[in-house]
Amino acid sequence: YSNDRSFYSADAAGEAGVAWIRRQGSPPSLVDTLSHVSVSTAYTALSTDHQYKYDVKFTRKKFRPGWSVEYKEYEFLVEASGLSAQQAESAVELGASKTFREGY
């Protein structure tokens, strides 16, 4: 039961990371030398017995076939982890991408 709660917390963290990417109106800037664009400094409580955090890394950008050259597809890796009250911990990684228009 504790492992399930930590897994679902990690899953929620992954969804929060993807939602963060969706909210970006322009390509996010790197915040460190490890290609992070968002870094959690603390866990977010989902309830009194489980919590999560996530980090988002920029992995690459590429042209989108069929789109004009100013549109680039940015790819990200969301590293998510969850904790339960019984010290169980789970982690998931998600790949996500978003198209941004550059140079306008």
N, C-alpha and C. Protein backbone atom coordinates (compact mmCIF):
# COMPACT_ATOMS: atom_id res chain seq x y z
N TYR A 1 0.83 -1.19 0.00
CA TYR A 1 0.00 0.00 0.00
C TYR A 1 0.87 1.26 0.00
N SER A 2 1.92 1.27 0.79
CA SER A 2 2.81 2.41 0.87
C SER A 2 3.54 2.62 -0.47
N ASN A 3 3.95 1.52 -1.10
CA ASN A 3 4.61 1.62 -2.40
C ASN A 3 3.66 2.15 -3.46
N ASP A 4 2.40 1.74 -3.40
CA ASP A 4 1.40 2.26 -4.34
C ASP A 4 1.26 3.77 -4.18
N ARG A 5 1.19 4.23 -2.95
CA ARG A 5 1.01 5.66 -2.70
C ARG A 5 2.22 6.46 -3.21
N SER A 6 3.42 5.93 -3.03
CA SER A 6 4.60 6.65 -3.52
C SER A 6 4.63 6.64 -5.04
N PHE A 7 4.21 5.54 -5.67
CA PHE A 7 4.17 5.49 -7.14
C PHE A 7 3.17 6.50 -7.68
N TYR A 8 1.97 6.55 -7.09
CA TYR A 8 0.97 7.49 -7.57
C TYR A 8 1.37 8.94 -7.29
N SER A 9 2.14 9.15 -6.25
CA SER A 9 2.68 10.49 -6.00
C SER A 9 3.70 10.85 -7.08
N ALA A 10 4.55 9.91 -7.46
CA ALA A 10 5.52 10.15 -8.53
C ALA A 10 4.80 10.40 -9.85
N ASP A 11 3.72 9.66 -10.09
CA ASP A 11 2.93 9.88 -11.30
C ASP A 11 2.33 11.29 -11.31
N ALA A 12 1.83 11.73 -10.17
CA ALA A 12 1.29 13.09 -10.06
C ALA A 12 2.40 14.12 -10.32
N ALA A 13 3.60 13.84 -9.85
CA ALA A 13 4.72 14.74 -10.10
C ALA A 13 5.03 14.83 -11.58
N GLY A 14 4.99 13.70 -12.27
CA GLY A 14 5.20 13.70 -13.72
C GLY A 14 4.16 14.54 -14.43
N GLU A 15 2.91 14.40 -14.03
CA GLU A 15 1.84 15.21 -14.62
C GLU A 15 2.05 16.69 -14.34
N ALA A 16 2.51 17.02 -13.14
CA ALA A 16 2.79 18.42 -12.80
C ALA A 16 3.92 18.97 -13.66
N GLY A 17 4.94 18.16 -13.91
CA GLY A 17 6.05 18.59 -14.77
C GLY A 17 5.60 18.84 -16.20
N VAL A 18 4.76 17.95 -16.73
CA VAL A 18 4.22 18.14 -18.08
C VAL A 18 3.34 19.39 -18.12
N ALA A 19 2.55 19.61 -17.09
CA ALA A 19 1.71 20.82 -17.03
C ALA A 19 2.58 22.07 -17.01
N TRP A 20 3.72 22.02 -16.32
CA TRP A 20 4.63 23.16 -16.29
C TRP A 20 5.11 23.47 -17.70
N ILE A 21 5.47 22.43 -18.46
CA ILE A 21 5.93 22.63 -19.84
C ILE A 21 4.81 23.26 -20.67
N ARG A 22 3.59 22.77 -20.53
CA ARG A 22 2.46 23.29 -21.29
C ARG A 22 2.23 24.77 -21.03
N ARG A 23 2.49 25.24 -19.82
CA ARG A 23 2.24 26.64 -19.47
C ARG A 23 3.29 27.60 -20.02
N GLN A 24 4.40 27.10 -20.52
CA GLN A 24 5.45 27.98 -21.01
C GLN A 24 5.06 28.60 -22.34
N GLY A 25 5.11 29.92 -22.41
CA GLY A 25 4.75 30.63 -23.64
C GLY A 25 5.91 30.79 -24.61
N SER A 26 7.12 30.62 -24.10
CA SER A 26 8.33 30.69 -24.92
C SER A 26 9.31 29.64 -24.40
N PRO A 27 10.34 29.32 -25.18
CA PRO A 27 11.28 28.30 -24.71
C PRO A 27 11.89 28.68 -23.37
N PRO A 28 11.84 27.80 -22.38
CA PRO A 28 12.41 28.12 -21.07
C PRO A 28 13.93 28.16 -21.11
N SER A 29 14.51 29.00 -20.27
CA SER A 29 15.97 29.13 -20.17
C SER A 29 16.54 28.05 -19.25
N LEU A 30 17.77 27.67 -19.52
CA LEU A 30 18.47 26.72 -18.65
C LEU A 30 18.77 27.38 -17.32
N VAL A 31 18.61 26.63 -16.22
CA VAL A 31 18.89 27.18 -14.90
C VAL A 31 20.17 26.62 -14.29
N ASP A 32 20.77 25.61 -14.93
CA ASP A 32 22.04 25.07 -14.43
C ASP A 32 22.79 24.38 -15.57
N THR A 33 23.97 23.87 -15.28
CA THR A 33 24.81 23.24 -16.30
C THR A 33 24.35 21.83 -16.65
N LEU A 34 23.34 21.31 -15.98
CA LEU A 34 22.82 19.96 -16.26
C LEU A 34 21.60 20.02 -17.19
N SER A 35 21.38 21.15 -17.83
CA SER A 35 20.28 21.37 -18.77
C SER A 35 18.91 21.42 -18.13
N HIS A 36 18.84 21.66 -16.82
CA HIS A 36 17.54 21.82 -16.16
C HIS A 36 16.91 23.15 -16.57
N VAL A 37 15.59 23.13 -16.78
CA VAL A 37 14.84 24.36 -17.00
C VAL A 37 13.88 24.60 -15.83
N SER A 38 13.67 23.59 -15.00
CA SER A 38 12.88 23.72 -13.77
C SER A 38 13.42 22.72 -12.77
N VAL A 39 13.67 23.17 -11.55
CA VAL A 39 14.20 22.30 -10.50
C VAL A 39 13.37 22.49 -9.24
N SER A 40 12.84 21.39 -8.71
CA SER A 40 12.10 21.45 -7.44
C SER A 40 13.10 21.55 -6.30
N THR A 41 12.90 22.51 -5.44
CA THR A 41 13.79 22.64 -4.28
C THR A 41 13.25 21.93 -3.06
N ALA A 42 11.96 21.56 -3.11
CA ALA A 42 11.34 20.87 -1.97
C ALA A 42 10.18 20.02 -2.49
N TYR A 43 9.73 19.11 -1.67
CA TYR A 43 8.58 18.29 -2.02
C TYR A 43 7.30 19.09 -1.84
N THR A 44 6.31 18.81 -2.68
CA THR A 44 4.97 19.39 -2.57
C THR A 44 4.08 18.35 -1.91
N ALA A 45 3.37 18.71 -0.88
CA ALA A 45 2.49 17.77 -0.17
C ALA A 45 1.20 17.59 -0.94
N LEU A 46 0.85 16.33 -1.19
CA LEU A 46 -0.44 16.00 -1.77
C LEU A 46 -1.47 15.80 -0.66
N SER A 47 -1.01 15.27 0.45
CA SER A 47 -1.82 15.09 1.66
C SER A 47 -0.84 14.93 2.81
N THR A 48 -1.33 14.58 3.97
CA THR A 48 -0.43 14.44 5.12
C THR A 48 0.49 13.24 5.00
N ASP A 49 0.17 12.28 4.11
CA ASP A 49 0.98 11.08 4.05
C ASP A 49 1.67 10.81 2.71
N HIS A 50 1.59 11.72 1.75
CA HIS A 50 2.40 11.56 0.54
C HIS A 50 2.66 12.91 -0.14
N GLN A 51 3.80 12.95 -0.85
CA GLN A 51 4.27 14.19 -1.45
C GLN A 51 5.06 13.89 -2.71
N TYR A 52 5.34 14.94 -3.51
CA TYR A 52 6.08 14.73 -4.75
C TYR A 52 6.97 15.92 -5.08
N LYS A 53 7.87 15.69 -6.04
CA LYS A 53 8.65 16.77 -6.63
C LYS A 53 9.06 16.34 -8.04
N TYR A 54 9.40 17.33 -8.87
CA TYR A 54 9.83 17.03 -10.24
C TYR A 54 10.89 18.02 -10.68
N ASP A 55 11.70 17.58 -11.62
CA ASP A 55 12.67 18.42 -12.31
C ASP A 55 12.43 18.25 -13.81
N VAL A 56 12.65 19.30 -14.58
CA VAL A 56 12.48 19.24 -16.03
C VAL A 56 13.82 19.58 -16.68
N LYS A 57 14.28 18.70 -17.57
CA LYS A 57 15.52 18.92 -18.32
C LYS A 57 15.21 19.13 -19.79
N PHE A 58 15.88 20.09 -20.39
CA PHE A 58 15.83 20.27 -21.84
C PHE A 58 16.76 19.23 -22.44
N THR A 59 16.29 18.48 -23.45
CA THR A 59 17.16 17.48 -24.06
C THR A 59 17.63 17.88 -25.46
N ARG A 60 16.73 18.46 -26.27
CA ARG A 60 17.14 18.93 -27.60
C ARG A 60 15.99 19.66 -28.26
N LYS A 61 16.32 20.33 -29.37
CA LYS A 61 15.28 20.92 -30.20
C LYS A 61 15.54 20.48 -31.63
N LYS A 62 14.46 20.41 -32.39
CA LYS A 62 14.59 19.98 -33.79
C LYS A 62 13.52 20.64 -34.63
N PHE A 63 13.73 20.63 -35.93
CA PHE A 63 12.73 21.14 -36.86
C PHE A 63 11.54 20.21 -36.89
N ARG A 64 10.36 20.78 -37.08
CA ARG A 64 9.14 19.97 -37.23
C ARG A 64 8.86 19.80 -38.71
N PRO A 65 8.84 18.58 -39.19
CA PRO A 65 8.53 18.37 -40.61
C PRO A 65 7.16 18.95 -40.96
N GLY A 66 7.08 19.66 -42.08
CA GLY A 66 5.82 20.24 -42.51
C GLY A 66 5.53 21.61 -41.93
N TRP A 67 6.37 22.09 -41.01
CA TRP A 67 6.17 23.41 -40.40
C TRP A 67 7.22 24.36 -40.98
N SER A 68 6.98 25.66 -40.91
CA SER A 68 7.98 26.61 -41.37
C SER A 68 9.18 26.60 -40.42
N VAL A 69 10.31 27.13 -40.89
CA VAL A 69 11.57 26.98 -40.18
C VAL A 69 11.64 27.68 -38.82
N GLU A 70 10.77 28.68 -38.56
CA GLU A 70 10.84 29.35 -37.25
C GLU A 70 10.21 28.53 -36.13
N TYR A 71 9.52 27.44 -36.46
CA TYR A 71 8.92 26.58 -35.43
C TYR A 71 9.86 25.43 -35.13
N LYS A 72 10.16 25.25 -33.85
CA LYS A 72 11.04 24.16 -33.40
C LYS A 72 10.33 23.34 -32.34
N GLU A 73 10.57 22.06 -32.37
CA GLU A 73 10.03 21.17 -31.35
C GLU A 73 11.09 20.99 -30.27
N TYR A 74 10.79 21.44 -29.06
CA TYR A 74 11.69 21.30 -27.91
C TYR A 74 11.32 20.03 -27.17
N GLU A 75 12.32 19.22 -26.88
CA GLU A 75 12.08 17.97 -26.16
C GLU A 75 12.63 18.08 -24.75
N PHE A 76 11.89 17.51 -23.81
CA PHE A 76 12.21 17.59 -22.39
C PHE A 76 12.13 16.21 -21.74
N LEU A 77 12.85 16.07 -20.64
CA LEU A 77 12.76 14.89 -19.79
C LEU A 77 12.27 15.36 -18.42
N VAL A 78 11.16 14.79 -17.97
CA VAL A 78 10.62 15.11 -16.64
C VAL A 78 11.04 13.98 -15.70
N GLU A 79 11.81 14.33 -14.68
CA GLU A 79 12.23 13.37 -13.66
C GLU A 79 11.38 13.63 -12.43
N ALA A 80 10.54 12.65 -12.07
CA ALA A 80 9.56 12.84 -11.01
C ALA A 80 9.75 11.81 -9.91
N SER A 81 9.53 12.23 -8.66
CA SER A 81 9.62 11.28 -7.55
C SER A 81 8.50 11.55 -6.55
N GLY A 82 8.11 10.48 -5.86
CA GLY A 82 7.06 10.57 -4.87
C GLY A 82 7.46 9.85 -3.60
N LEU A 83 6.99 10.34 -2.47
CA LEU A 83 7.26 9.74 -1.16
C LEU A 83 5.95 9.44 -0.45
N SER A 84 5.95 8.37 0.35
CA SER A 84 4.80 8.11 1.21
C SER A 84 5.24 8.24 2.66
N ALA A 85 4.27 8.23 3.56
CA ALA A 85 4.57 8.42 4.99
C ALA A 85 5.43 7.30 5.54
N GLN A 86 5.38 6.12 4.96
CA GLN A 86 6.17 4.99 5.44
C GLN A 86 7.56 4.93 4.79
N GLN A 87 8.03 6.06 4.26
CA GLN A 87 9.36 6.19 3.68
C GLN A 87 9.54 5.41 2.38
N ALA A 88 8.45 4.99 1.75
CA ALA A 88 8.56 4.38 0.42
C ALA A 88 8.78 5.51 -0.58
N GLU A 89 9.63 5.26 -1.56
CA GLU A 89 9.91 6.26 -2.58
C GLU A 89 9.83 5.61 -3.95
N SER A 90 9.25 6.33 -4.91
CA SER A 90 9.15 5.87 -6.29
C SER A 90 9.60 6.99 -7.21
N ALA A 91 10.04 6.61 -8.40
CA ALA A 91 10.47 7.60 -9.38
C ALA A 91 9.98 7.18 -10.76
N VAL A 92 9.65 8.16 -11.58
CA VAL A 92 9.28 7.94 -12.97
C VAL A 92 9.97 9.00 -13.82
N GLU A 93 10.20 8.66 -15.08
CA GLU A 93 10.73 9.61 -16.05
C GLU A 93 9.76 9.66 -17.22
N LEU A 94 9.49 10.87 -17.69
CA LEU A 94 8.59 11.06 -18.81
C LEU A 94 9.27 11.92 -19.86
N GLY A 95 9.06 11.58 -21.11
CA GLY A 95 9.49 12.43 -22.20
C GLY A 95 8.33 13.29 -22.63
N ALA A 96 8.59 14.56 -22.92
CA ALA A 96 7.55 15.47 -23.37
C ALA A 96 8.15 16.44 -24.37
N SER A 97 7.30 16.98 -25.24
CA SER A 97 7.79 17.98 -26.19
C SER A 97 6.72 19.06 -26.38
N LYS A 98 7.20 20.22 -26.82
CA LYS A 98 6.30 21.33 -27.12
C LYS A 98 6.93 22.13 -28.26
N THR A 99 6.09 22.59 -29.15
CA THR A 99 6.56 23.39 -30.29
C THR A 99 6.49 24.87 -29.91
N PHE A 100 7.61 25.55 -30.16
CA PHE A 100 7.69 27.00 -29.92
C PHE A 100 8.07 27.69 -31.23
N ARG A 101 7.60 28.91 -31.37
CA ARG A 101 8.00 29.74 -32.51
C ARG A 101 9.17 30.59 -32.05
N GLU A 102 10.26 30.55 -32.79
CA GLU A 102 11.46 31.29 -32.45
C GLU A 102 11.62 32.52 -33.34
N GLY A 103 12.21 33.55 -32.78
CA GLY A 103 12.62 34.71 -33.55
C GLY A 103 11.51 35.60 -34.05
N TYR A 104 10.43 35.68 -33.32
CA TYR A 104 9.37 36.60 -33.75
C TYR A 104 9.22 37.75 -32.80
